[in-house]
C-alpha atoms as a PDB file:
ATOM      1  CA  MET A   1       0.000   0.000   0.000  1.00  0.00           C
ATOM      2  CA  ILE A   2       1.146   3.518  -0.789  1.00  0.00           C
ATOM      3  CA  HIS A   3       1.667   5.669   2.308  1.00  0.00           C
ATOM      4  CA  GLU A   4       3.169   9.128   1.987  1.00  0.00           C
ATOM      5  CA  VAL A   5       3.485  11.449   4.983  1.00  0.00           C
ATOM      6  CA  ILE A   6       4.055  15.138   4.314  1.00  0.00           C
ATOM      7  CA  PRO A   7       4.314  17.986   6.842  1.00  0.00           C
ATOM      8  CA  VAL A   8       1.896  20.753   5.857  1.00  0.00           C
ATOM      9  CA  GLY A   9       1.178  24.304   6.950  1.00  0.00           C
ATOM     10  CA  PRO A  10       3.071  26.627   9.283  1.00  0.00           C
ATOM     11  CA  LEU A  11       2.821  24.144  12.183  1.00  0.00           C
ATOM     12  CA  GLN A  12       4.066  21.235  10.017  1.00  0.00           C
ATOM     13  CA  CYS A  13       1.120  18.915  10.621  1.00  0.00           C
ATOM     14  CA  ASN A  14       1.757  15.388   9.342  1.00  0.00           C
ATOM     15  CA  CYS A  15      -0.731  14.656   6.559  1.00  0.00           C
ATOM     16  CA  SER A  16      -0.998  10.968   5.609  1.00  0.00           C
ATOM     17  CA  ILE A  17      -1.956   9.882   2.099  1.00  0.00           C
ATOM     18  CA  PHE A  18      -2.849   6.197   1.758  1.00  0.00           C
ATOM     19  CA  GLY A  19      -3.449   4.607  -1.623  1.00  0.00           C
ATOM     20  CA  ASP A  20      -4.110   1.148  -3.003  1.00  0.00           C
ATOM     21  CA  GLU A  21      -1.989   0.282  -6.039  1.00  0.00           C
ATOM     22  CA  ALA A  22      -4.590  -2.037  -7.573  1.00  0.00           C
ATOM     23  CA  THR A  23      -7.835  -0.080  -7.132  1.00  0.00           C
ATOM     24  CA  HIS A  24      -6.231   3.402  -7.100  1.00  0.00           C
ATOM     25  CA  GLU A  25      -8.496   4.375  -4.215  1.00  0.00           C
ATOM     26  CA  ALA A  26      -7.144   6.668  -1.498  1.00  0.00           C
ATOM     27  CA  ILE A  27      -7.761   7.996   2.001  1.00  0.00           C
ATOM     28  CA  VAL A  28      -6.246  11.290   3.153  1.00  0.00           C
ATOM     29  CA  ILE A  29      -5.846  12.019   6.864  1.00  0.00           C
ATOM     30  CA  ASP A  30      -5.373  15.561   8.221  1.00  0.00           C
ATOM     31  CA  PRO A  31      -5.039  17.743   5.096  1.00  0.00           C
ATOM     32  CA  GLY A  32      -4.272  20.862   7.114  1.00  0.00           C
ATOM     33  CA  ASP A  33      -2.753  22.892   4.257  1.00  0.00           C
ATOM     34  CA  ASN A  34      -0.663  22.630   1.073  1.00  0.00           C
ATOM     35  CA  ILE A  35      -3.536  21.117  -0.897  1.00  0.00           C
ATOM     36  CA  ALA A  36      -1.743  21.581  -4.216  1.00  0.00           C
ATOM     37  CA  GLN A  37       1.087  19.380  -2.937  1.00  0.00           C
ATOM     38  CA  ILE A  38      -1.398  16.750  -1.727  1.00  0.00           C
ATOM     39  CA  LEU A  39      -3.159  16.772  -5.091  1.00  0.00           C
ATOM     40  CA  GLY A  40       0.209  16.398  -6.809  1.00  0.00           C
ATOM     41  CA  ILE A  41       0.910  13.206  -4.837  1.00  0.00           C
ATOM     42  CA  LEU A  42      -2.545  11.877  -5.647  1.00  0.00           C
ATOM     43  CA  GLN A  43      -1.962  12.614  -9.328  1.00  0.00           C
ATOM     44  CA  LYS A  44       1.493  10.992  -9.259  1.00  0.00           C
ATOM     45  CA  HIS A  45      -0.034   7.719  -8.102  1.00  0.00           C
ATOM     46  CA  ALA A  46      -3.280   8.133 -10.117  1.00  0.00           C
ATOM     47  CA  LEU A  47      -5.349   7.997  -6.915  1.00  0.00           C
ATOM     48  CA  LYS A  48      -9.004   8.881  -6.335  1.00  0.00           C
ATOM     49  CA  VAL A  49      -9.859   9.971  -2.782  1.00  0.00           C
ATOM     50  CA  ASN A  50     -12.681   8.006  -1.144  1.00  0.00           C
ATOM     51  CA  ALA A  51     -12.518   9.672   2.274  1.00  0.00           C
ATOM     52  CA  ILE A  52     -10.948  12.601   4.096  1.00  0.00           C
ATOM     53  CA  ILE A  53     -10.404  11.857   7.787  1.00  0.00           C
ATOM     54  CA  ILE A  54      -9.779  14.604  10.355  1.00  0.00           C
ATOM     55  CA  THR A  55      -8.185  13.500  13.641  1.00  0.00           C
ATOM     56  CA  HIS A  56      -9.354  16.689  15.386  1.00  0.00           C
ATOM     57  CA  ALA A  57     -10.591  20.158  14.515  1.00  0.00           C
ATOM     58  CA  HIS A  58      -7.521  22.283  15.198  1.00  0.00           C
ATOM     59  CA  ILE A  59      -6.810  24.477  12.182  1.00  0.00           C
ATOM     60  CA  ASP A  60      -3.461  22.867  11.368  1.00  0.00           C
ATOM     61  CA  HIS A  61      -5.212  19.515  10.832  1.00  0.00           C
ATOM     62  CA  ILE A  62      -8.467  20.590   9.178  1.00  0.00           C
ATOM     63  CA  GLY A  63      -7.583  23.885   7.461  1.00  0.00           C
ATOM     64  CA  GLY A  64      -7.395  22.407   3.959  1.00  0.00           C
ATOM     65  CA  ALA A  65     -10.334  20.002   4.197  1.00  0.00           C
ATOM     66  CA  ALA A  66     -12.747  22.247   2.306  1.00  0.00           C
ATOM     67  CA  LYS A  67     -10.328  22.708  -0.612  1.00  0.00           C
ATOM     68  CA  LEU A  68      -9.523  19.005  -0.803  1.00  0.00           C
ATOM     69  CA  LYS A  69     -13.207  18.091  -0.694  1.00  0.00           C
ATOM     70  CA  ALA A  70     -13.941  20.606  -3.450  1.00  0.00           C
ATOM     71  CA  ALA A  71     -11.151  19.165  -5.590  1.00  0.00           C
ATOM     72  CA  THR A  72     -11.974  15.484  -5.048  1.00  0.00           C
ATOM     73  CA  GLY A  73     -15.627  15.256  -4.004  1.00  0.00           C
ATOM     74  CA  ALA A  74     -14.628  12.988  -1.099  1.00  0.00           C
ATOM     75  CA  PRO A  75     -16.667  13.102   2.134  1.00  0.00           C
ATOM     76  CA  VAL A  76     -15.113  14.535   5.295  1.00  0.00           C
ATOM     77  CA  HIS A  77     -15.101  12.344   8.427  1.00  0.00           C
ATOM     78  CA  MET A  78     -14.690  14.015  11.847  1.00  0.00           C
ATOM     79  CA  ASN A  79     -15.931  13.255  15.352  1.00  0.00           C
ATOM     80  CA  ALA A  80     -18.959  15.425  16.152  1.00  0.00           C
ATOM     81  CA  ASN A  81     -17.591  16.375  19.572  1.00  0.00           C
ATOM     82  CA  ASP A  82     -15.145  18.683  17.774  1.00  0.00           C
ATOM     83  CA  ALA A  83     -17.868  20.603  15.901  1.00  0.00           C
ATOM     84  CA  PRO A  84     -17.641  23.598  18.295  1.00  0.00           C
ATOM     85  CA  LEU A  85     -13.905  23.861  17.602  1.00  0.00           C
ATOM     86  CA  TYR A  86     -14.453  23.752  13.851  1.00  0.00           C
ATOM     87  CA  ASN A  87     -17.248  26.312  14.091  1.00  0.00           C
ATOM     88  CA  ASP A  88     -14.774  28.623  15.851  1.00  0.00           C
ATOM     89  CA  ILE A  89     -11.988  28.166  13.326  1.00  0.00           C
ATOM     90  CA  ASP A  90     -11.843  31.911  12.629  1.00  0.00           C
ATOM     91  CA  SER A  91     -10.661  32.420  16.215  1.00  0.00           C
ATOM     92  CA  GLN A  92      -8.025  29.741  15.729  1.00  0.00           C
ATOM     93  CA  ALA A  93      -6.795  31.562  12.634  1.00  0.00           C
ATOM     94  CA  ALA A  94      -6.627  34.808  14.601  1.00  0.00           C
ATOM     95  CA  TRP A  95      -4.455  33.158  17.279  1.00  0.00           C
ATOM     96  CA  LEU A  96      -1.974  32.166  14.559  1.00  0.00           C
ATOM     97  CA  GLY A  97      -2.248  35.459  12.686  1.00  0.00           C
ATOM     98  CA  ILE A  98      -3.365  33.811   9.441  1.00  0.00           C
ATOM     99  CA  GLU A  99      -6.372  34.139   7.158  1.00  0.00           C
ATOM    100  CA  PRO A 100      -9.335  31.911   8.117  1.00  0.00           C
ATOM    101  CA  PRO A 101      -9.613  28.918   5.781  1.00  0.00           C
ATOM    102  CA  GLU A 102     -12.673  27.933   3.812  1.00  0.00           C
ATOM    103  CA  ARG A 103     -15.055  25.691   5.743  1.00  0.00           C
ATOM    104  CA  THR A 104     -17.067  22.693   4.640  1.00  0.00           C
ATOM    105  CA  ALA A 105     -19.855  20.573   6.011  1.00  0.00           C
ATOM    106  CA  ILE A 106     -18.750  17.471   7.910  1.00  0.00           C
ATOM    107  CA  ASP A 107     -20.285  14.538   6.071  1.00  0.00           C
ATOM    108  CA  VAL A 108     -19.681  11.682   8.512  1.00  0.00           C
ATOM    109  CA  ASN A 109     -19.476  11.614  12.305  1.00  0.00           C
ATOM    110  CA  ALA A 110     -16.324   9.542  12.907  1.00  0.00           C
ATOM    111  CA  GLN A 111     -17.237   7.448  15.943  1.00  0.00           C
ATOM    112  CA  ASN A 112     -15.355   4.868  17.950  1.00  0.00           C
ATOM    113  CA  GLY A 113     -15.538   1.430  16.361  1.00  0.00           C
ATOM    114  CA  GLN A 114     -16.325   2.577  12.826  1.00  0.00           C
ATOM    115  CA  VAL A 115     -14.319   0.916  10.063  1.00  0.00           C
ATOM    116  CA  LEU A 116     -13.491   2.381   6.656  1.00  0.00           C
ATOM    117  CA  LYS A 117     -12.219   0.087   3.905  1.00  0.00           C
ATOM    118  CA  LEU A 118      -9.473   0.830   1.402  1.00  0.00           C
ATOM    119  CA  ALA A 119      -9.404  -2.205  -0.867  1.00  0.00           C
ATOM    120  CA  ASP A 120      -8.698  -5.071   1.568  1.00  0.00           C
ATOM    121  CA  LYS A 121      -7.311  -2.828   4.337  1.00  0.00           C
ATOM    122  CA  GLU A 122      -9.406  -1.701   7.304  1.00  0.00           C
ATOM    123  CA  PHE A 123      -9.098   1.751   8.878  1.00  0.00           C
ATOM    124  CA  HIS A 124     -10.450   1.529  12.434  1.00  0.00           C
ATOM    125  CA  ILE A 125     -11.638   4.729  14.126  1.00  0.00           C
ATOM    126  CA  LEU A 126     -10.575   4.986  17.785  1.00  0.00           C
ATOM    127  CA  HIS A 127     -12.081   7.801  19.859  1.00  0.00           C
ATOM    128  CA  THR A 128      -9.102   9.169  21.815  1.00  0.00           C
ATOM    129  CA  PRO A 129     -10.282  12.360  23.584  1.00  0.00           C
ATOM    130  CA  GLY A 130      -8.034  14.455  25.764  1.00  0.00           C
ATOM    131  CA  HIS A 131      -6.220  16.799  23.396  1.00  0.00           C
ATOM    132  CA  THR A 132      -9.708  17.757  22.212  1.00  0.00           C
ATOM    133  CA  GLN A 133     -13.075  16.187  23.017  1.00  0.00           C
ATOM    134  CA  GLY A 134     -13.450  14.806  19.518  1.00  0.00           C
ATOM    135  CA  SER A 135      -9.900  13.592  18.921  1.00  0.00           C
ATOM    136  CA  ILE A 136      -9.658  10.302  17.064  1.00  0.00           C
ATOM    137  CA  SER A 137      -6.831   7.983  16.041  1.00  0.00           C
ATOM    138  CA  VAL A 138      -6.888   5.654  13.041  1.00  0.00           C
ATOM    139  CA  TRP A 139      -5.559   2.107  13.340  1.00  0.00           C
ATOM    140  CA  ILE A 140      -4.720   0.088  10.221  1.00  0.00           C
ATOM    141  CA  PRO A 141      -3.983  -3.415  11.555  1.00  0.00           C
ATOM    142  CA  GLU A 142      -2.948  -4.950   8.221  1.00  0.00           C
ATOM    143  CA  GLU A 143      -0.306  -2.229   7.873  1.00  0.00           C
ATOM    144  CA  ASN A 144       0.672  -2.286  11.559  1.00  0.00           C
ATOM    145  CA  LYS A 145       0.185   1.494  11.684  1.00  0.00           C
ATOM    146  CA  LEU A 146      -1.619   4.034  13.858  1.00  0.00           C
ATOM    147  CA  ILE A 147      -2.302   7.632  12.864  1.00  0.00           C
ATOM    148  CA  ALA A 148      -2.453   9.238  16.301  1.00  0.00           C
ATOM    149  CA  GLY A 149      -3.257  12.882  15.586  1.00  0.00           C
ATOM    150  CA  ASP A 150      -2.082  14.992  18.534  1.00  0.00           C
ATOM    151  CA  THR A 151      -2.872  12.367  21.167  1.00  0.00           C
ATOM    152  CA  LEU A 152       0.572  10.753  21.384  1.00  0.00           C
ATOM    153  CA  PHE A 153       3.996  11.873  20.155  1.00  0.00           C
ATOM    154  CA  ARG A 154       7.455  10.377  20.343  1.00  0.00           C
ATOM    155  CA  ASP A 155       8.466  10.948  23.994  1.00  0.00           C
ATOM    156  CA  SER A 156       5.521  13.292  24.529  1.00  0.00           C
ATOM    157  CA  ILE A 157       1.743  13.703  24.546  1.00  0.00           C
ATOM    158  CA  GLY A 158      -0.765  16.204  23.190  1.00  0.00           C
ATOM    159  CA  ARG A 159      -1.393  19.501  24.931  1.00  0.00           C
ATOM    160  CA  THR A 160      -4.347  19.592  27.309  1.00  0.00           C
ATOM    161  CA  ASP A 161      -4.295  23.313  28.151  1.00  0.00           C
ATOM    162  CA  LEU A 162      -6.284  24.344  25.061  1.00  0.00           C
ATOM    163  CA  PRO A 163     -10.112  24.479  24.856  1.00  0.00           C
ATOM    164  CA  GLY A 164     -11.505  20.949  25.203  1.00  0.00           C
ATOM    165  CA  GLY A 165      -8.297  19.546  26.641  1.00  0.00           C
ATOM    166  CA  ASP A 166      -8.328  17.184  29.618  1.00  0.00           C
ATOM    167  CA  PHE A 167      -5.212  15.363  30.874  1.00  0.00           C
ATOM    168  CA  ALA A 168      -7.113  12.594  32.666  1.00  0.00           C
ATOM    169  CA  GLU A 169      -9.035  11.843  29.474  1.00  0.00           C
ATOM    170  CA  LEU A 170      -5.857  11.929  27.396  1.00  0.00           C
ATOM    171  CA  GLU A 171      -4.098   9.514  29.732  1.00  0.00           C
ATOM    172  CA  ARG A 172      -7.119   7.180  29.676  1.00  0.00           C
ATOM    173  CA  SER A 173      -7.231   7.301  25.865  1.00  0.00           C
ATOM    174  CA  ILE A 174      -3.554   6.446  25.560  1.00  0.00           C
ATOM    175  CA  ARG A 175      -3.728   3.600  28.071  1.00  0.00           C
ATOM    176  CA  THR A 176      -6.969   2.012  26.857  1.00  0.00           C
ATOM    177  CA  GLN A 177      -6.940   2.719  23.116  1.00  0.00           C
ATOM    178  CA  ILE A 178      -3.272   2.953  22.100  1.00  0.00           C
ATOM    179  CA  TYR A 179      -1.164   1.015  24.606  1.00  0.00           C
ATOM    180  CA  THR A 180      -3.449  -1.997  24.105  1.00  0.00           C
ATOM    181  CA  LEU A 181      -2.372  -2.244  20.450  1.00  0.00           C
ATOM    182  CA  PRO A 182       0.500  -4.557  19.431  1.00  0.00           C
ATOM    183  CA  PRO A 183       3.851  -3.159  20.655  1.00  0.00           C
ATOM    184  CA  ALA A 184       5.330  -3.162  17.137  1.00  0.00           C
ATOM    185  CA  THR A 185       2.569  -0.855  15.844  1.00  0.00           C
ATOM    186  CA  VAL A 186       4.177   2.172  14.193  1.00  0.00           C
ATOM    187  CA  VAL A 187       2.685   5.408  15.512  1.00  0.00           C
ATOM    188  CA  TYR A 188       2.538   8.427  13.197  1.00  0.00           C
ATOM    189  CA  PRO A 189       1.882  11.497  15.369  1.00  0.00           C
ATOM    190  CA  GLY A 190       0.302  14.719  14.201  1.00  0.00           C
ATOM    191  CA  HIS A 191       3.716  16.391  14.291  1.00  0.00           C
ATOM    192  CA  GLY A 192       7.281  15.136  14.341  1.00  0.00           C
ATOM    193  CA  PRO A 193       8.833  11.693  13.874  1.00  0.00           C
ATOM    194  CA  ALA A 194       7.194   8.288  14.064  1.00  0.00           C
ATOM    195  CA  THR A 195       7.545   5.964  17.041  1.00  0.00           C
ATOM    196  CA  THR A 196       6.084   2.636  18.177  1.00  0.00           C
ATOM    197  CA  VAL A 197       3.503   1.645  20.751  1.00  0.00           C
ATOM    198  CA  GLY A 198       6.092  -0.461  22.565  1.00  0.00           C
ATOM    199  CA  ASP A 199       8.641   2.349  22.794  1.00  0.00           C
ATOM    200  CA  GLU A 200       6.118   4.850  24.138  1.00  0.00           C
ATOM    201  CA  LYS A 201       4.693   2.329  26.587  1.00  0.00           C
ATOM    202  CA  SER A 202       8.205   1.817  27.980  1.00  0.00           C
ATOM    203  CA  LEU A 203       9.798   5.224  27.577  1.00  0.00           C
ATOM    204  CA  ASN A 204       7.184   7.991  27.351  1.00  0.00           C
ATOM    205  CA  PRO A 205       7.844  10.271  30.358  1.00  0.00           C
ATOM    206  CA  PHE A 206       4.218  11.444  30.586  1.00  0.00           C
ATOM    207  CA  VAL A 207       2.229   8.196  30.255  1.00  0.00           C
ATOM    208  CA  ARG A 208       4.043   4.930  30.960  1.00  0.00           C
ATOM    209  CA  GLY A 209       2.429   1.603  30.239  1.00  0.00           C
END
């Protein structure tokens, strides 16, 4: 399976582009910005986007969703608990001193336990609140990969001092939803380098397994 990770926008959010070589179907996770670059990768692999998944509604993860949806026609999946954050995206833009992005309707409420298919691969939605109330992670067991949004980083965790943040919830999400996955699972955080479930369970200074 094709998997390209590109840092986008001023905060260098990791956008994941997954594609199936046989069916040429694709799923894009967290298209925060740089939509022309994302479309270029899709064109390079001759991919058609079936779904746009948003791990949470902070501007650096969702800022380009409207443009990508307009360009591809793909539905946007986001947990409904983050709707207030998305509705207040103009304030988020003001905090960063940037122009507010275009907005789009959220087509699918991404809830815990839902499964999206990309050819024969399953993308499992895990509700992992704490960084925001609607934060989700996406587990792809056949690929041994987890897209963690801003819930878990290498040697760190997501901030809980922003609106909707809650450390106790974040810790619970990490322990019950992420640290229960196979230790060799590769974790792709919302920012920065990849890690593994096993390494974070053993070494993360904020939430040990």
